[in-house]
């Protein structure tokens, strides 16, 4: 089950982006569309190829680590851990 684990903040306008930990129900139901919505293009492509290669079974595994992948993607994109960081 997903539980809120805080916010990351956009480096320019300080807009908060909620981050979660645990199982991602939206990723389970929407599959690679969830990755596209979160602008994680590489993972969307990996998800599509894995689903195609495993006849969709891989879509049952991605939700277990999708929230962690999203958090890493935001940090790599320059998001900050607090509003006051420069």
PDB file of N, CA and C in Angstrom:
ATOM      1  N   UNK A   1       0.840  -1.173   0.000  1.00  0.00           N
ATOM      2  CA  UNK A   1       0.000   0.000   0.000  1.00  0.00           C
ATOM      3  C   UNK A   1       0.887   1.239   0.000  1.00  0.00           C
ATOM      4  N   UNK A   2       0.562   2.202  -0.816  1.00  0.00           N
ATOM      5  CA  UNK A   2       1.331   3.448  -0.861  1.00  0.00           C
ATOM      6  C   UNK A   2       1.042   4.284   0.369  1.00  0.00           C
ATOM      7  N   UNK A   3       2.121   4.869   0.903  1.00  0.00           N
ATOM      8  CA  UNK A   3       1.947   5.811   2.011  1.00  0.00           C
ATOM      9  C   UNK A   3       2.778   7.039   1.689  1.00  0.00           C
ATOM     10  N   UNK A   4       2.229   8.205   1.996  1.00  0.00           N
ATOM     11  CA  UNK A   4       2.991   9.437   1.732  1.00  0.00           C
ATOM     12  C   UNK A   4       4.295   9.428   2.519  1.00  0.00           C
ATOM     13  N   UNK A   5       5.373   9.844   1.857  1.00  0.00           N
ATOM     14  CA  UNK A   5       6.648   9.902   2.565  1.00  0.00           C
ATOM     15  C   UNK A   5       7.266  11.296   2.473  1.00  0.00           C
ATOM     16  N   UNK A   6       6.462  12.286   2.120  1.00  0.00           N
ATOM     17  CA  UNK A   6       6.945  13.659   2.111  1.00  0.00           C
ATOM     18  C   UNK A   6       6.780  14.333   0.769  1.00  0.00           C
ATOM     19  N   UNK A   7       7.527  15.402   0.578  1.00  0.00           N
ATOM     20  CA  UNK A   7       7.488  16.170  -0.660  1.00  0.00           C
ATOM     21  C   UNK A   7       8.899  16.436  -1.151  1.00  0.00           C
ATOM     22  N   UNK A   8       9.017  16.576  -2.452  1.00  0.00           N
ATOM     23  CA  UNK A   8      10.219  17.115  -3.065  1.00  0.00           C
ATOM     24  C   UNK A   8       9.794  18.404  -3.747  1.00  0.00           C
ATOM     25  N   UNK A   9      10.699  19.374  -3.824  1.00  0.00           N
ATOM     26  CA  UNK A   9      10.330  20.701  -4.300  1.00  0.00           C
ATOM     27  C   UNK A   9      11.050  21.037  -5.599  1.00  0.00           C
ATOM     28  N   UNK A  10      10.283  21.627  -6.526  1.00  0.00           N
ATOM     29  CA  UNK A  10      10.847  22.043  -7.811  1.00  0.00           C
ATOM     30  C   UNK A  10      11.957  23.054  -7.554  1.00  0.00           C
ATOM     31  N   UNK A  11      13.098  22.949  -8.229  1.00  0.00           N
ATOM     32  CA  UNK A  11      14.238  23.813  -7.925  1.00  0.00           C
ATOM     33  C   UNK A  11      14.019  25.292  -8.248  1.00  0.00           C
ATOM     34  N   UNK A  12      13.094  25.622  -9.146  1.00  0.00           N
ATOM     35  CA  UNK A  12      12.901  27.021  -9.518  1.00  0.00           C
ATOM     36  C   UNK A  12      11.711  27.650  -8.810  1.00  0.00           C
ATOM     37  N   UNK A  13      10.529  27.029  -8.950  1.00  0.00           N
ATOM     38  CA  UNK A  13       9.328  27.652  -8.380  1.00  0.00           C
ATOM     39  C   UNK A  13       8.908  27.080  -7.028  1.00  0.00           C
ATOM     40  N   UNK A  14       9.652  26.142  -6.500  1.00  0.00           N
ATOM     41  CA  UNK A  14       9.431  25.534  -5.177  1.00  0.00           C
ATOM     42  C   UNK A  14       8.079  24.825  -5.053  1.00  0.00           C
ATOM     43  N   UNK A  15       7.478  24.451  -6.169  1.00  0.00           N
ATOM     44  CA  UNK A  15       6.215  23.713  -6.139  1.00  0.00           C
ATOM     45  C   UNK A  15       6.458  22.320  -5.552  1.00  0.00           C
ATOM     46  N   UNK A  16       5.661  21.912  -4.550  1.00  0.00           N
ATOM     47  CA  UNK A  16       5.885  20.585  -3.946  1.00  0.00           C
ATOM     48  C   UNK A  16       5.332  19.468  -4.820  1.00  0.00           C
ATOM     49  N   UNK A  17       6.054  18.387  -4.861  1.00  0.00           N
ATOM     50  CA  UNK A  17       5.630  17.167  -5.549  1.00  0.00           C
ATOM     51  C   UNK A  17       5.598  16.060  -4.502  1.00  0.00           C
ATOM     52  N   UNK A  18       4.410  15.509  -4.260  1.00  0.00           N
ATOM     53  CA  UNK A  18       4.270  14.461  -3.250  1.00  0.00           C
ATOM     54  C   UNK A  18       5.001  13.205  -3.695  1.00  0.00           C
ATOM     55  N   UNK A  19       5.670  12.575  -2.752  1.00  0.00           N
ATOM     56  CA  UNK A  19       6.324  11.295  -3.036  1.00  0.00           C
ATOM     57  C   UNK A  19       5.751  10.247  -2.096  1.00  0.00           C
ATOM     58  N   UNK A  20       5.740   9.025  -2.565  1.00  0.00           N
ATOM     59  CA  UNK A  20       5.146   7.925  -1.815  1.00  0.00           C
ATOM     60  C   UNK A  20       6.138   6.783  -1.714  1.00  0.00           C
ATOM     61  N   UNK A  21       5.878   5.905  -0.772  1.00  0.00           N
ATOM     62  CA  UNK A  21       6.677   4.688  -0.653  1.00  0.00           C
ATOM     63  C   UNK A  21       5.723   3.504  -0.618  1.00  0.00           C
ATOM     64  N   UNK A  22       6.217   2.368  -1.015  1.00  0.00           N
ATOM     65  CA  UNK A  22       5.392   1.171  -1.017  1.00  0.00           C
ATOM     66  C   UNK A  22       4.834   0.846  -2.389  1.00  0.00           C
ATOM     67  N   UNK A  23       3.839  -0.007  -2.408  1.00  0.00           N
ATOM     68  CA  UNK A  23       3.220  -0.518  -3.626  1.00  0.00           C
ATOM     69  C   UNK A  23       2.453   0.595  -4.336  1.00  0.00           C
ATOM     70  N   UNK A  24       2.595   0.702  -5.656  1.00  0.00           N
ATOM     71  CA  UNK A  24       1.917   1.738  -6.446  1.00  0.00           C
ATOM     72  C   UNK A  24       0.686   1.160  -7.142  1.00  0.00           C
ATOM     73  N   UNK A  25      -0.484   1.414  -6.560  1.00  0.00           N
ATOM     74  CA  UNK A  25      -1.724   0.949  -7.167  1.00  0.00           C
ATOM     75  C   UNK A  25      -1.987   1.593  -8.519  1.00  0.00           C
ATOM     76  N   UNK A  26      -1.742   2.903  -8.687  1.00  0.00           N
ATOM     77  CA  UNK A  26      -1.958   3.487 -10.023  1.00  0.00           C
ATOM     78  C   UNK A  26      -1.094   2.823 -11.092  1.00  0.00           C
ATOM     79  N   UNK A  27       0.140   2.453 -10.746  1.00  0.00           N
ATOM     80  CA  UNK A  27       1.006   1.786 -11.713  1.00  0.00           C
ATOM     81  C   UNK A  27       0.467   0.407 -12.048  1.00  0.00           C
ATOM     82  N   UNK A  28      -0.116  -0.268 -11.085  1.00  0.00           N
ATOM     83  CA  UNK A  28      -0.691  -1.586 -11.354  1.00  0.00           C
ATOM     84  C   UNK A  28      -1.838  -1.473 -12.344  1.00  0.00           C
ATOM     85  N   UNK A  29      -2.709  -0.474 -12.162  1.00  0.00           N
ATOM     86  CA  UNK A  29      -3.893  -0.346 -13.000  1.00  0.00           C
ATOM     87  C   UNK A  29      -3.614   0.299 -14.358  1.00  0.00           C
ATOM     88  N   UNK A  30      -2.646   1.204 -14.429  1.00  0.00           N
ATOM     89  CA  UNK A  30      -2.412   1.933 -15.669  1.00  0.00           C
ATOM     90  C   UNK A  30      -1.113   1.561 -16.379  1.00  0.00           C
ATOM     91  N   UNK A  31      -0.275   0.765 -15.749  1.00  0.00           N
ATOM     92  CA  UNK A  31       0.932   0.259 -16.386  1.00  0.00           C
ATOM     93  C   UNK A  31       1.855   1.348 -16.905  1.00  0.00           C
ATOM     94  N   UNK A  32       2.265   1.230 -18.161  1.00  0.00           N
ATOM     95  CA  UNK A  32       3.236   2.175 -18.705  1.00  0.00           C
ATOM     96  C   UNK A  32       2.660   3.578 -18.827  1.00  0.00           C
ATOM     97  N   UNK A  33       1.333   3.745 -18.858  1.00  0.00           N
ATOM     98  CA  UNK A  33       0.732   5.083 -18.898  1.00  0.00           C
ATOM     99  C   UNK A  33       1.091   5.883 -17.644  1.00  0.00           C
ATOM    100  N   UNK A  34       1.249   5.188 -16.503  1.00  0.00           N
ATOM    101  CA  UNK A  34       1.648   5.868 -15.267  1.00  0.00           C
ATOM    102  C   UNK A  34       3.043   6.462 -15.430  1.00  0.00           C
ATOM    103  N   UNK A  35       3.954   5.713 -16.030  1.00  0.00           N
ATOM    104  CA  UNK A  35       5.303   6.220 -16.283  1.00  0.00           C
ATOM    105  C   UNK A  35       5.258   7.413 -17.241  1.00  0.00           C
ATOM    106  N   UNK A  36       4.418   7.357 -18.265  1.00  0.00           N
ATOM    107  CA  UNK A  36       4.289   8.479 -19.189  1.00  0.00           C
ATOM    108  C   UNK A  36       3.749   9.711 -18.468  1.00  0.00           C
ATOM    109  N   UNK A  37       2.748   9.526 -17.608  1.00  0.00           N
ATOM    110  CA  UNK A  37       2.163  10.634 -16.853  1.00  0.00           C
ATOM    111  C   UNK A  37       3.209  11.303 -15.957  1.00  0.00           C
ATOM    112  N   UNK A  38       4.111  10.522 -15.411  1.00  0.00           N
ATOM    113  CA  UNK A  38       5.159  11.033 -14.540  1.00  0.00           C
ATOM    114  C   UNK A  38       6.395  11.491 -15.318  1.00  0.00           C
ATOM    115  N   UNK A  39       6.326  11.495 -16.642  1.00  0.00           N
ATOM    116  CA  UNK A  39       7.418  11.913 -17.542  1.00  0.00           C
ATOM    117  C   UNK A  39       8.661  11.051 -17.396  1.00  0.00           C
ATOM    118  N   UNK A  40       8.464   9.794 -17.153  1.00  0.00           N
ATOM    119  CA  UNK A  40       9.565   8.844 -17.030  1.00  0.00           C
ATOM    120  C   UNK A  40       9.602   8.020 -18.320  1.00  0.00           C
ATOM    121  N   UNK A  41      10.068   8.660 -19.409  1.00  0.00           N
ATOM    122  CA  UNK A  41       9.991   8.095 -20.747  1.00  0.00           C
ATOM    123  C   UNK A  41      10.771   6.780 -20.866  1.00  0.00           C
ATOM    124  N   UNK A  42      11.941   6.723 -20.292  1.00  0.00           N
ATOM    125  CA  UNK A  42      12.750   5.511 -20.379  1.00  0.00           C
ATOM    126  C   UNK A  42      12.076   4.323 -19.719  1.00  0.00           C
ATOM    127  N   UNK A  43      11.535   4.545 -18.536  1.00  0.00           N
ATOM    128  CA  UNK A  43      10.866   3.463 -17.830  1.00  0.00           C
ATOM    129  C   UNK A  43       9.571   3.064 -18.525  1.00  0.00           C
ATOM    130  N   UNK A  44       8.909   4.013 -19.186  1.00  0.00           N
ATOM    131  CA  UNK A  44       7.712   3.673 -19.964  1.00  0.00           C
ATOM    132  C   UNK A  44       8.081   2.710 -21.091  1.00  0.00           C
ATOM    133  N   UNK A  45       9.188   3.003 -21.771  1.00  0.00           N
ATOM    134  CA  UNK A  45       9.627   2.139 -22.867  1.00  0.00           C
ATOM    135  C   UNK A  45      10.032   0.763 -22.335  1.00  0.00           C
ATOM    136  N   UNK A  46      10.755   0.729 -21.226  1.00  0.00           N
ATOM    137  CA  UNK A  46      11.144  -0.554 -20.621  1.00  0.00           C
ATOM    138  C   UNK A  46       9.908  -1.344 -20.223  1.00  0.00           C
ATOM    139  N   UNK A  47       8.918  -0.662 -19.663  1.00  0.00           N
ATOM    140  CA  UNK A  47       7.685  -1.318 -19.241  1.00  0.00           C
ATOM    141  C   UNK A  47       6.935  -1.915 -20.428  1.00  0.00           C
ATOM    142  N   UNK A  48       6.861  -1.171 -21.523  1.00  0.00           N
ATOM    143  CA  UNK A  48       6.175  -1.669 -22.721  1.00  0.00           C
ATOM    144  C   UNK A  48       6.893  -2.883 -23.280  1.00  0.00           C
ATOM    145  N   UNK A  49       8.207  -2.790 -23.400  1.00  0.00           N
ATOM    146  CA  UNK A  49       8.970  -3.909 -23.955  1.00  0.00           C
ATOM    147  C   UNK A  49       8.902  -5.142 -23.051  1.00  0.00           C
ATOM    148  N   UNK A  50       8.977  -4.921 -21.734  1.00  0.00           N
ATOM    149  CA  UNK A  50       8.895  -6.051 -20.800  1.00  0.00           C
ATOM    150  C   UNK A  50       7.507  -6.682 -20.845  1.00  0.00           C
ATOM    151  N   UNK A  51       6.475  -5.847 -20.933  1.00  0.00           N
ATOM    152  CA  UNK A  51       5.104  -6.383 -21.008  1.00  0.00           C
ATOM    153  C   UNK A  51       4.909  -7.170 -22.298  1.00  0.00           C
ATOM    154  N   UNK A  52       5.465  -6.653 -23.387  1.00  0.00           N
ATOM    155  CA  UNK A  52       5.349  -7.345 -24.668  1.00  0.00           C
ATOM    156  C   UNK A  52       6.093  -8.680 -24.623  1.00  0.00           C
ATOM    157  N   UNK A  53       7.267  -8.675 -24.015  1.00  0.00           N
ATOM    158  CA  UNK A  53       8.075  -9.889 -23.969  1.00  0.00           C
ATOM    159  C   UNK A  53       7.577 -10.944 -23.000  1.00  0.00           C
ATOM    160  N   UNK A  54       6.813 -10.522 -22.002  1.00  0.00           N
ATOM    161  CA  UNK A  54       6.330 -11.479 -20.999  1.00  0.00           C
ATOM    162  C   UNK A  54       4.810 -11.642 -21.053  1.00  0.00           C
ATOM    163  N   UNK A  55       4.209 -11.174 -22.128  1.00  0.00           N
ATOM    164  CA  UNK A  55       2.756 -11.251 -22.325  1.00  0.00           C
ATOM    165  C   UNK A  55       2.009 -10.573 -21.170  1.00  0.00           C
ATOM    166  N   UNK A  56       2.556  -9.473 -20.670  1.00  0.00           N
ATOM    167  CA  UNK A  56       1.890  -8.661 -19.647  1.00  0.00           C
ATOM    168  C   UNK A  56       2.177  -9.037 -18.212  1.00  0.00           C
ATOM    169  N   UNK A  57       2.845 -10.128 -17.976  1.00  0.00           N
ATOM    170  CA  UNK A  57       3.100 -10.577 -16.603  1.00  0.00           C
ATOM    171  C   UNK A  57       4.019  -9.608 -15.865  1.00  0.00           C
ATOM    172  N   UNK A  58       4.922  -8.958 -16.577  1.00  0.00           N
ATOM    173  CA  UNK A  58       5.851  -8.026 -15.923  1.00  0.00           C
ATOM    174  C   UNK A  58       5.118  -6.840 -15.295  1.00  0.00           C
ATOM    175  N   UNK A  59       3.914  -6.526 -15.773  1.00  0.00           N
ATOM    176  CA  UNK A  59       3.145  -5.423 -15.195  1.00  0.00           C
ATOM    177  C   UNK A  59       2.750  -5.693 -13.748  1.00  0.00           C
ATOM    178  N   UNK A  60       2.861  -6.921 -13.305  1.00  0.00           N
ATOM    179  CA  UNK A  60       2.570  -7.250 -11.910  1.00  0.00           C
ATOM    180  C   UNK A  60       3.762  -6.979 -10.997  1.00  0.00           C
ATOM    181  N   UNK A  61       4.956  -6.776 -11.570  1.00  0.00           N
ATOM    182  CA  UNK A  61       6.153  -6.561 -10.767  1.00  0.00           C
ATOM    183  C   UNK A  61       6.545  -5.093 -10.648  1.00  0.00           C
ATOM    184  N   UNK A  62       6.299  -4.292 -11.683  1.00  0.00           N
ATOM    185  CA  UNK A  62       6.685  -2.884 -11.656  1.00  0.00           C
ATOM    186  C   UNK A  62       6.082  -2.097 -10.492  1.00  0.00           C
ATOM    187  N   UNK A  63       4.836  -2.329 -10.082  1.00  0.00           N
ATOM    188  CA  UNK A  63       4.276  -1.520  -8.986  1.00  0.00           C
ATOM    189  C   UNK A  63       5.017  -1.638  -7.659  1.00  0.00           C
ATOM    190  N   UNK A  64       5.789  -2.692  -7.470  1.00  0.00           N
ATOM    191  CA  UNK A  64       6.506  -2.855  -6.210  1.00  0.00           C
ATOM    192  C   UNK A  64       7.648  -1.865  -6.049  1.00  0.00           C
ATOM    193  N   UNK A  65       8.197  -1.346  -7.153  1.00  0.00           N
ATOM    194  CA  UNK A  65       9.291  -0.398  -7.041  1.00  0.00           C
ATOM    195  C   UNK A  65       9.069   0.879  -7.847  1.00  0.00           C
ATOM    196  N   UNK A  66       7.858   1.102  -8.366  1.00  0.00           N
ATOM    197  CA  UNK A  66       7.573   2.274  -9.193  1.00  0.00           C
ATOM    198  C   UNK A  66       7.690   3.580  -8.400  1.00  0.00           C
ATOM    199  N   UNK A  67       7.216   3.605  -7.166  1.00  0.00           N
ATOM    200  CA  UNK A  67       7.314   4.837  -6.368  1.00  0.00           C
ATOM    201  C   UNK A  67       8.769   5.200  -6.084  1.00  0.00           C
ATOM    202  N   UNK A  68       9.592   4.222  -5.832  1.00  0.00           N
ATOM    203  CA  UNK A  68      11.017   4.471  -5.603  1.00  0.00           C
ATOM    204  C   UNK A  68      11.678   4.996  -6.880  1.00  0.00           C
ATOM    205  N   UNK A  69      11.297   4.448  -8.024  1.00  0.00           N
ATOM    206  CA  UNK A  69      11.826   4.933  -9.294  1.00  0.00           C
ATOM    207  C   UNK A  69      11.416   6.386  -9.540  1.00  0.00           C
ATOM    208  N   UNK A  70      10.182   6.724  -9.175  1.00  0.00           N
ATOM    209  CA  UNK A  70       9.712   8.104  -9.357  1.00  0.00           C
ATOM    210  C   UNK A  70      10.499   9.071  -8.475  1.00  0.00           C
ATOM    211  N   UNK A  71      10.741   8.690  -7.238  1.00  0.00           N
ATOM    212  CA  UNK A  71      11.512   9.545  -6.336  1.00  0.00           C
ATOM    213  C   UNK A  71      12.930   9.753  -6.876  1.00  0.00           C
ATOM    214  N   UNK A  72      13.570   8.697  -7.340  1.00  0.00           N
ATOM    215  CA  UNK A  72      14.918   8.817  -7.903  1.00  0.00           C
ATOM    216  C   UNK A  72      14.913   9.689  -9.151  1.00  0.00           C
ATOM    217  N   UNK A  73      13.873   9.569  -9.962  1.00  0.00           N
ATOM    218  CA  UNK A  73      13.753  10.387 -11.173  1.00  0.00           C
ATOM    219  C   UNK A  73      13.650  11.874 -10.815  1.00  0.00           C
ATOM    220  N   UNK A  74      12.857  12.195  -9.796  1.00  0.00           N
ATOM    221  CA  UNK A  74      12.713  13.596  -9.388  1.00  0.00           C
ATOM    222  C   UNK A  74      14.030  14.149  -8.844  1.00  0.00           C
ATOM    223  N   UNK A  75      14.711  13.384  -8.029  1.00  0.00           N
ATOM    224  CA  UNK A  75      15.987  13.846  -7.472  1.00  0.00           C
ATOM    225  C   UNK A  75      17.022  14.035  -8.580  1.00  0.00           C
ATOM    226  N   UNK A  76      17.037  13.126  -9.543  1.00  0.00           N
ATOM    227  CA  UNK A  76      17.960  13.243 -10.660  1.00  0.00           C
ATOM    228  C   UNK A  76      17.623  14.453 -11.534  1.00  0.00           C
ATOM    229  N   UNK A  77      16.341  14.839 -11.558  1.00  0.00           N
ATOM    230  CA  UNK A  77      15.893  15.995 -12.340  1.00  0.00           C
ATOM    231  C   UNK A  77      16.154  17.317 -11.641  1.00  0.00           C
ATOM    232  N   UNK A  78      16.687  17.275 -10.410  1.00  0.00           N
ATOM    233  CA  UNK A  78      17.044  18.499  -9.709  1.00  0.00           C
ATOM    234  C   UNK A  78      16.088  18.905  -8.617  1.00  0.00           C
ATOM    235  N   UNK A  79      15.080  18.106  -8.318  1.00  0.00           N
ATOM    236  CA  UNK A  79      14.165  18.448  -7.242  1.00  0.00           C
ATOM    237  C   UNK A  79      14.912  18.447  -5.907  1.00  0.00           C
ATOM    238  N   UNK A  80      14.435  19.293  -5.005  1.00  0.00           N
ATOM    239  CA  UNK A  80      15.107  19.484  -3.723  1.00  0.00           C
ATOM    240  C   UNK A  80      14.336  18.832  -2.585  1.00  0.00           C
ATOM    241  N   UNK A  81      15.064  18.474  -1.529  1.00  0.00           N
ATOM    242  CA  UNK A  81      14.446  17.845  -0.367  1.00  0.00           C
ATOM    243  C   UNK A  81      13.687  18.810   0.518  1.00  0.00           C
ATOM    244  N   UNK A  82      13.985  20.106   0.454  1.00  0.00           N
ATOM    245  CA  UNK A  82      13.249  21.105   1.235  1.00  0.00           C
ATOM    246  C   UNK A  82      13.159  22.391   0.428  1.00  0.00           C
ATOM    247  N   UNK A  83      12.211  23.234   0.796  1.00  0.00           N
ATOM    248  CA  UNK A  83      11.983  24.484   0.076  1.00  0.00           C
ATOM    249  C   UNK A  83      13.181  25.430   0.167  1.00  0.00           C
ATOM    250  N   UNK A  84      13.922  25.345   1.254  1.00  0.00           N
ATOM    251  CA  UNK A  84      14.974  26.317   1.532  1.00  0.00           C
ATOM    252  C   UNK A  84      16.329  25.971   0.928  1.00  0.00           C
ATOM    253  N   UNK A  85      16.477  24.787   0.365  1.00  0.00           N
ATOM    254  CA  UNK A  85      17.758  24.407  -0.237  1.00  0.00           C
ATOM    255  C   UNK A  85      18.023  25.244  -1.473  1.00  0.00           C
ATOM    256  N   UNK A  86      19.270  25.600  -1.698  1.00  0.00           N
ATOM    257  CA  UNK A  86      19.629  26.350  -2.898  1.00  0.00           C
ATOM    258  C   UNK A  86      20.636  25.592  -3.717  1.00  0.00           C
TER     259      UNK A  86
END
